[in-house]
Amino acid sequence: MNYKHTTAGDQLRLVFNGDLIGENNGPELVELVNDSLTKGMKYCLIDISDVRYINSSGIGVLITLLTKFRNKGGELFLIKPSEHVQKLLIITKLQAIFNIVDTEQEALSKIK
C-alpha cells in the first residue's frame, strides 16, 4: 500500500491506495499518528476509495488509529470505502464503529 498525508489546522488527512496489509505500513502509520496527535491534531480523514483489499492486520491498524484519536477527544473518518471494503466493514460490523462518509466535505461538515 502507498499513502500520502497532509495536515490542515487540527486535521490529519491520509490517502491510501493499494492493499491495506497492516504488517507493511502499520507501525509507520501509528508513528505518524502519534506525531500528529502530539502536534494537536484532533481529526483524521482517511480516503480509502482506492484501497482494493484489507486483511485483518489492516483492520487492526484502522482500529488502532481510531482509538488513538478518540482517546484524545478527536475522531477518525473513513472516506468513500470501495465496494469490497464496504462489504468487509459490514460483515465485521465495523461500520457501526467507524464514521464512514462519502466525501471529505461530508466529514468536514460533521467536524464543525
N, C-alpha and C. Protein backbone atom coordinates (compact mmCIF):
# COMPACT_ATOMS: atom_id res chain seq x y z
N MET A 1 0.84 -1.18 0.00
CA MET A 1 0.00 0.00 0.00
C MET A 1 0.88 1.24 0.00
N ASN A 2 0.43 2.24 -0.69
CA ASN A 2 1.05 3.56 -0.66
C ASN A 2 0.09 4.52 0.04
N TYR A 3 0.65 5.56 0.63
CA TYR A 3 -0.21 6.58 1.23
C TYR A 3 0.48 7.93 1.16
N LYS A 4 -0.37 8.95 1.17
CA LYS A 4 0.10 10.33 1.25
C LYS A 4 -0.58 10.96 2.45
N HIS A 5 0.09 11.93 3.07
CA HIS A 5 -0.54 12.62 4.18
C HIS A 5 -0.30 14.11 4.07
N THR A 6 -1.30 14.85 4.54
CA THR A 6 -1.21 16.30 4.64
C THR A 6 -1.88 16.70 5.96
N THR A 7 -1.60 17.91 6.39
CA THR A 7 -2.27 18.43 7.58
C THR A 7 -2.87 19.78 7.25
N ALA A 8 -3.97 20.08 7.92
CA ALA A 8 -4.63 21.38 7.79
C ALA A 8 -5.31 21.67 9.12
N GLY A 9 -4.84 22.70 9.80
CA GLY A 9 -5.43 23.03 11.10
C GLY A 9 -5.24 21.88 12.06
N ASP A 10 -6.35 21.35 12.59
CA ASP A 10 -6.29 20.24 13.53
C ASP A 10 -6.63 18.91 12.87
N GLN A 11 -6.41 18.83 11.55
CA GLN A 11 -6.79 17.63 10.80
C GLN A 11 -5.59 16.99 10.11
N LEU A 12 -5.50 15.69 10.27
CA LEU A 12 -4.55 14.87 9.52
C LEU A 12 -5.34 14.22 8.39
N ARG A 13 -4.87 14.39 7.17
CA ARG A 13 -5.56 13.79 6.02
C ARG A 13 -4.65 12.76 5.39
N LEU A 14 -5.18 11.56 5.23
CA LEU A 14 -4.44 10.45 4.64
C LEU A 14 -5.17 9.96 3.41
N VAL A 15 -4.42 9.59 2.39
CA VAL A 15 -5.00 8.98 1.19
C VAL A 15 -4.26 7.66 1.00
N PHE A 16 -5.01 6.56 1.08
CA PHE A 16 -4.44 5.22 0.91
C PHE A 16 -4.76 4.72 -0.49
N ASN A 17 -3.85 3.94 -1.06
CA ASN A 17 -4.18 3.20 -2.27
C ASN A 17 -3.41 1.89 -2.28
N GLY A 18 -4.01 0.90 -2.93
CA GLY A 18 -3.41 -0.44 -2.95
C GLY A 18 -4.09 -1.33 -1.93
N ASP A 19 -3.32 -2.24 -1.36
CA ASP A 19 -3.83 -3.21 -0.39
C ASP A 19 -3.38 -2.81 1.01
N LEU A 20 -4.34 -2.68 1.93
CA LEU A 20 -4.02 -2.31 3.31
C LEU A 20 -3.73 -3.59 4.10
N ILE A 21 -2.45 -3.91 4.15
CA ILE A 21 -1.99 -5.09 4.88
C ILE A 21 -1.10 -4.54 5.99
N GLY A 22 -1.58 -4.58 7.20
CA GLY A 22 -1.00 -3.85 8.31
C GLY A 22 0.46 -4.09 8.60
N GLU A 23 0.97 -5.30 8.31
CA GLU A 23 2.36 -5.58 8.64
C GLU A 23 3.30 -4.65 7.89
N ASN A 24 2.92 -4.23 6.71
CA ASN A 24 3.81 -3.42 5.87
C ASN A 24 3.88 -1.97 6.33
N ASN A 25 2.75 -1.34 6.54
CA ASN A 25 2.72 0.09 6.83
C ASN A 25 2.22 0.42 8.23
N GLY A 26 1.73 -0.56 8.95
CA GLY A 26 1.12 -0.31 10.25
C GLY A 26 1.97 0.49 11.22
N PRO A 27 3.18 0.03 11.54
CA PRO A 27 4.00 0.77 12.51
C PRO A 27 4.31 2.20 12.05
N GLU A 28 4.54 2.36 10.76
CA GLU A 28 4.83 3.69 10.20
C GLU A 28 3.63 4.62 10.36
N LEU A 29 2.43 4.10 10.09
CA LEU A 29 1.21 4.91 10.23
C LEU A 29 0.94 5.26 11.69
N VAL A 30 1.16 4.32 12.58
CA VAL A 30 0.94 4.58 14.01
C VAL A 30 1.90 5.67 14.48
N GLU A 31 3.14 5.61 14.03
CA GLU A 31 4.12 6.64 14.39
C GLU A 31 3.70 8.01 13.85
N LEU A 32 3.22 8.04 12.61
CA LEU A 32 2.75 9.30 12.02
C LEU A 32 1.59 9.87 12.83
N VAL A 33 0.65 9.01 13.22
CA VAL A 33 -0.50 9.47 14.01
C VAL A 33 -0.04 9.95 15.38
N ASN A 34 0.86 9.23 16.03
CA ASN A 34 1.36 9.68 17.34
C ASN A 34 2.00 11.06 17.23
N ASP A 35 2.81 11.27 16.20
CA ASP A 35 3.43 12.58 15.98
C ASP A 35 2.37 13.65 15.74
N SER A 36 1.35 13.32 14.95
CA SER A 36 0.29 14.27 14.65
C SER A 36 -0.50 14.64 15.90
N LEU A 37 -0.78 13.65 16.73
CA LEU A 37 -1.53 13.91 17.96
C LEU A 37 -0.73 14.81 18.91
N THR A 38 0.57 14.62 18.98
CA THR A 38 1.37 15.48 19.86
C THR A 38 1.44 16.90 19.31
N LYS A 39 1.17 17.08 18.02
CA LYS A 39 1.16 18.41 17.42
C LYS A 39 -0.23 19.04 17.45
N GLY A 40 -1.19 18.37 18.12
CA GLY A 40 -2.51 18.97 18.31
C GLY A 40 -3.57 18.57 17.30
N MET A 41 -3.30 17.59 16.47
CA MET A 41 -4.33 17.13 15.53
C MET A 41 -5.44 16.43 16.31
N LYS A 42 -6.69 16.71 15.95
CA LYS A 42 -7.83 16.08 16.62
C LYS A 42 -8.64 15.19 15.70
N TYR A 43 -8.48 15.41 14.40
CA TYR A 43 -9.31 14.68 13.44
C TYR A 43 -8.43 14.03 12.39
N CYS A 44 -8.85 12.85 11.98
CA CYS A 44 -8.13 12.12 10.93
C CYS A 44 -9.14 11.77 9.85
N LEU A 45 -8.86 12.18 8.63
CA LEU A 45 -9.70 11.88 7.48
C LEU A 45 -8.91 10.96 6.58
N ILE A 46 -9.40 9.74 6.40
CA ILE A 46 -8.69 8.75 5.60
C ILE A 46 -9.50 8.42 4.36
N ASP A 47 -8.98 8.79 3.20
CA ASP A 47 -9.61 8.44 1.93
C ASP A 47 -9.15 7.04 1.56
N ILE A 48 -10.09 6.09 1.61
CA ILE A 48 -9.77 4.71 1.29
C ILE A 48 -10.47 4.24 0.01
N SER A 49 -10.84 5.20 -0.82
CA SER A 49 -11.56 4.84 -2.05
C SER A 49 -10.74 4.00 -3.01
N ASP A 50 -9.40 4.09 -2.93
CA ASP A 50 -8.54 3.31 -3.82
C ASP A 50 -7.90 2.10 -3.14
N VAL A 51 -8.43 1.71 -1.97
CA VAL A 51 -7.95 0.50 -1.30
C VAL A 51 -8.71 -0.68 -1.89
N ARG A 52 -7.95 -1.63 -2.44
CA ARG A 52 -8.57 -2.80 -3.08
C ARG A 52 -8.89 -3.90 -2.08
N TYR A 53 -8.03 -4.05 -1.07
CA TYR A 53 -8.12 -5.19 -0.17
C TYR A 53 -7.61 -4.78 1.21
N ILE A 54 -8.25 -5.31 2.24
CA ILE A 54 -7.79 -5.12 3.62
C ILE A 54 -7.78 -6.48 4.30
N ASN A 55 -6.67 -6.81 4.96
CA ASN A 55 -6.65 -8.04 5.74
C ASN A 55 -6.88 -7.71 7.21
N SER A 56 -6.81 -8.73 8.07
CA SER A 56 -7.11 -8.49 9.49
C SER A 56 -6.10 -7.54 10.13
N SER A 57 -4.85 -7.59 9.70
CA SER A 57 -3.86 -6.65 10.23
C SER A 57 -4.17 -5.23 9.81
N GLY A 58 -4.64 -5.06 8.59
CA GLY A 58 -5.04 -3.73 8.11
C GLY A 58 -6.22 -3.19 8.91
N ILE A 59 -7.18 -4.05 9.21
CA ILE A 59 -8.31 -3.63 10.05
C ILE A 59 -7.80 -3.23 11.43
N GLY A 60 -6.85 -4.01 11.94
CA GLY A 60 -6.26 -3.68 13.25
C GLY A 60 -5.60 -2.31 13.25
N VAL A 61 -4.93 -1.97 12.16
CA VAL A 61 -4.29 -0.65 12.05
C VAL A 61 -5.36 0.44 12.09
N LEU A 62 -6.45 0.28 11.33
CA LEU A 62 -7.52 1.28 11.32
C LEU A 62 -8.13 1.45 12.71
N ILE A 63 -8.34 0.33 13.40
CA ILE A 63 -8.91 0.39 14.75
C ILE A 63 -7.94 1.08 15.71
N THR A 64 -6.66 0.80 15.57
CA THR A 64 -5.65 1.46 16.41
C THR A 64 -5.66 2.97 16.19
N LEU A 65 -5.71 3.38 14.93
CA LEU A 65 -5.73 4.82 14.63
C LEU A 65 -6.99 5.47 15.19
N LEU A 66 -8.13 4.80 15.00
CA LEU A 66 -9.40 5.30 15.53
C LEU A 66 -9.32 5.48 17.05
N THR A 67 -8.80 4.47 17.73
CA THR A 67 -8.69 4.51 19.19
C THR A 67 -7.80 5.65 19.65
N LYS A 68 -6.69 5.86 18.97
CA LYS A 68 -5.77 6.93 19.35
C LYS A 68 -6.45 8.30 19.24
N PHE A 69 -7.19 8.53 18.16
CA PHE A 69 -7.86 9.81 18.01
C PHE A 69 -8.99 9.98 19.02
N ARG A 70 -9.78 8.95 19.24
CA ARG A 70 -10.88 9.06 20.20
C ARG A 70 -10.37 9.23 21.62
N ASN A 71 -9.25 8.60 21.96
CA ASN A 71 -8.69 8.77 23.30
C ASN A 71 -8.24 10.20 23.55
N LYS A 72 -7.97 10.95 22.50
CA LYS A 72 -7.56 12.36 22.63
C LYS A 72 -8.74 13.30 22.41
N GLY A 73 -9.97 12.76 22.37
CA GLY A 73 -11.16 13.58 22.20
C GLY A 73 -11.44 13.94 20.75
N GLY A 74 -10.80 13.25 19.84
CA GLY A 74 -10.99 13.52 18.42
C GLY A 74 -11.81 12.45 17.73
N GLU A 75 -11.68 12.41 16.41
CA GLU A 75 -12.47 11.45 15.62
C GLU A 75 -11.71 11.10 14.35
N LEU A 76 -12.03 9.92 13.82
CA LEU A 76 -11.47 9.44 12.56
C LEU A 76 -12.62 9.17 11.60
N PHE A 77 -12.44 9.59 10.35
CA PHE A 77 -13.45 9.38 9.32
C PHE A 77 -12.85 8.55 8.19
N LEU A 78 -13.59 7.55 7.74
CA LEU A 78 -13.20 6.79 6.55
C LEU A 78 -14.00 7.35 5.38
N ILE A 79 -13.29 7.79 4.35
CA ILE A 79 -13.94 8.43 3.21
C ILE A 79 -14.03 7.46 2.05
N LYS A 80 -15.26 7.26 1.60
CA LYS A 80 -15.61 6.51 0.39
C LYS A 80 -14.91 5.16 0.26
N PRO A 81 -15.20 4.23 1.17
CA PRO A 81 -14.61 2.90 1.02
C PRO A 81 -15.09 2.24 -0.27
N SER A 82 -14.21 1.48 -0.91
CA SER A 82 -14.58 0.75 -2.12
C SER A 82 -15.66 -0.27 -1.76
N GLU A 83 -16.29 -0.83 -2.77
CA GLU A 83 -17.37 -1.79 -2.53
C GLU A 83 -16.87 -2.98 -1.72
N HIS A 84 -15.70 -3.49 -2.06
CA HIS A 84 -15.13 -4.63 -1.33
C HIS A 84 -14.89 -4.28 0.13
N VAL A 85 -14.30 -3.12 0.38
CA VAL A 85 -14.01 -2.69 1.75
C VAL A 85 -15.31 -2.43 2.51
N GLN A 86 -16.28 -1.83 1.84
CA GLN A 86 -17.59 -1.57 2.48
C GLN A 86 -18.23 -2.88 2.93
N LYS A 87 -18.17 -3.91 2.07
CA LYS A 87 -18.74 -5.22 2.44
C LYS A 87 -18.02 -5.80 3.66
N LEU A 88 -16.70 -5.66 3.68
CA LEU A 88 -15.92 -6.16 4.81
C LEU A 88 -16.30 -5.44 6.10
N LEU A 89 -16.48 -4.14 6.03
CA LEU A 89 -16.88 -3.36 7.22
C LEU A 89 -18.26 -3.80 7.72
N ILE A 90 -19.15 -4.12 6.80
CA ILE A 90 -20.50 -4.57 7.18
C ILE A 90 -20.43 -5.96 7.81
N ILE A 91 -19.69 -6.88 7.17
CA ILE A 91 -19.58 -8.25 7.68
C ILE A 91 -18.99 -8.27 9.09
N THR A 92 -18.00 -7.43 9.31
CA THR A 92 -17.33 -7.39 10.62
C THR A 92 -18.04 -6.46 11.62
N LYS A 93 -19.11 -5.85 11.16
CA LYS A 93 -19.91 -4.91 11.97
C LYS A 93 -19.12 -3.66 12.37
N LEU A 94 -18.04 -3.38 11.66
CA LEU A 94 -17.23 -2.21 11.96
C LEU A 94 -17.83 -0.92 11.40
N GLN A 95 -18.84 -1.04 10.52
CA GLN A 95 -19.49 0.17 10.03
C GLN A 95 -20.20 0.89 11.16
N ALA A 96 -20.49 0.16 12.25
CA ALA A 96 -21.12 0.78 13.42
C ALA A 96 -20.09 1.50 14.30
N ILE A 97 -18.83 1.20 14.13
CA ILE A 97 -17.76 1.78 14.95
C ILE A 97 -17.16 3.01 14.28
N PHE A 98 -16.92 2.90 12.97
CA PHE A 98 -16.27 3.98 12.22
C PHE A 98 -17.28 5.00 11.70
N ASN A 99 -16.85 6.23 11.60
CA ASN A 99 -17.60 7.26 10.89
C ASN A 99 -17.26 7.10 9.41
N ILE A 100 -18.20 6.64 8.62
CA ILE A 100 -17.97 6.41 7.20
C ILE A 100 -18.75 7.46 6.42
N VAL A 101 -18.05 8.18 5.56
CA VAL A 101 -18.66 9.26 4.79
C VAL A 101 -18.32 9.08 3.31
N ASP A 102 -19.09 9.74 2.46
CA ASP A 102 -18.88 9.63 1.02
C ASP A 102 -17.86 10.62 0.48
N THR A 103 -17.72 11.75 1.16
CA THR A 103 -16.80 12.78 0.67
C THR A 103 -16.05 13.43 1.83
N GLU A 104 -14.94 14.07 1.51
CA GLU A 104 -14.20 14.81 2.53
C GLU A 104 -15.07 15.96 3.06
N GLN A 105 -15.84 16.58 2.18
CA GLN A 105 -16.70 17.68 2.60
C GLN A 105 -17.72 17.21 3.65
N GLU A 106 -18.25 16.01 3.48
CA GLU A 106 -19.20 15.47 4.47
C GLU A 106 -18.50 15.29 5.82
N ALA A 107 -17.27 14.82 5.81
CA ALA A 107 -16.51 14.67 7.06
C ALA A 107 -16.29 16.03 7.71
N LEU A 108 -15.90 17.01 6.89
CA LEU A 108 -15.65 18.36 7.42
C LEU A 108 -16.91 18.96 8.03
N SER A 109 -18.08 18.70 7.42
CA SER A 109 -19.32 19.24 7.96
C SER A 109 -19.66 18.59 9.30
N LYS A 110 -19.27 17.34 9.52
CA LYS A 110 -19.51 16.69 10.79
C LYS A 110 -18.57 17.19 11.89
N ILE A 111 -17.41 17.69 11.47
CA ILE A 111 -16.44 18.24 12.42
C ILE A 111 -16.94 19.56 12.96
N LYS A 112 -17.53 20.40 12.11
CA LYS A 112 -17.94 21.75 12.50
C LYS A 112 -19.06 21.73 13.51
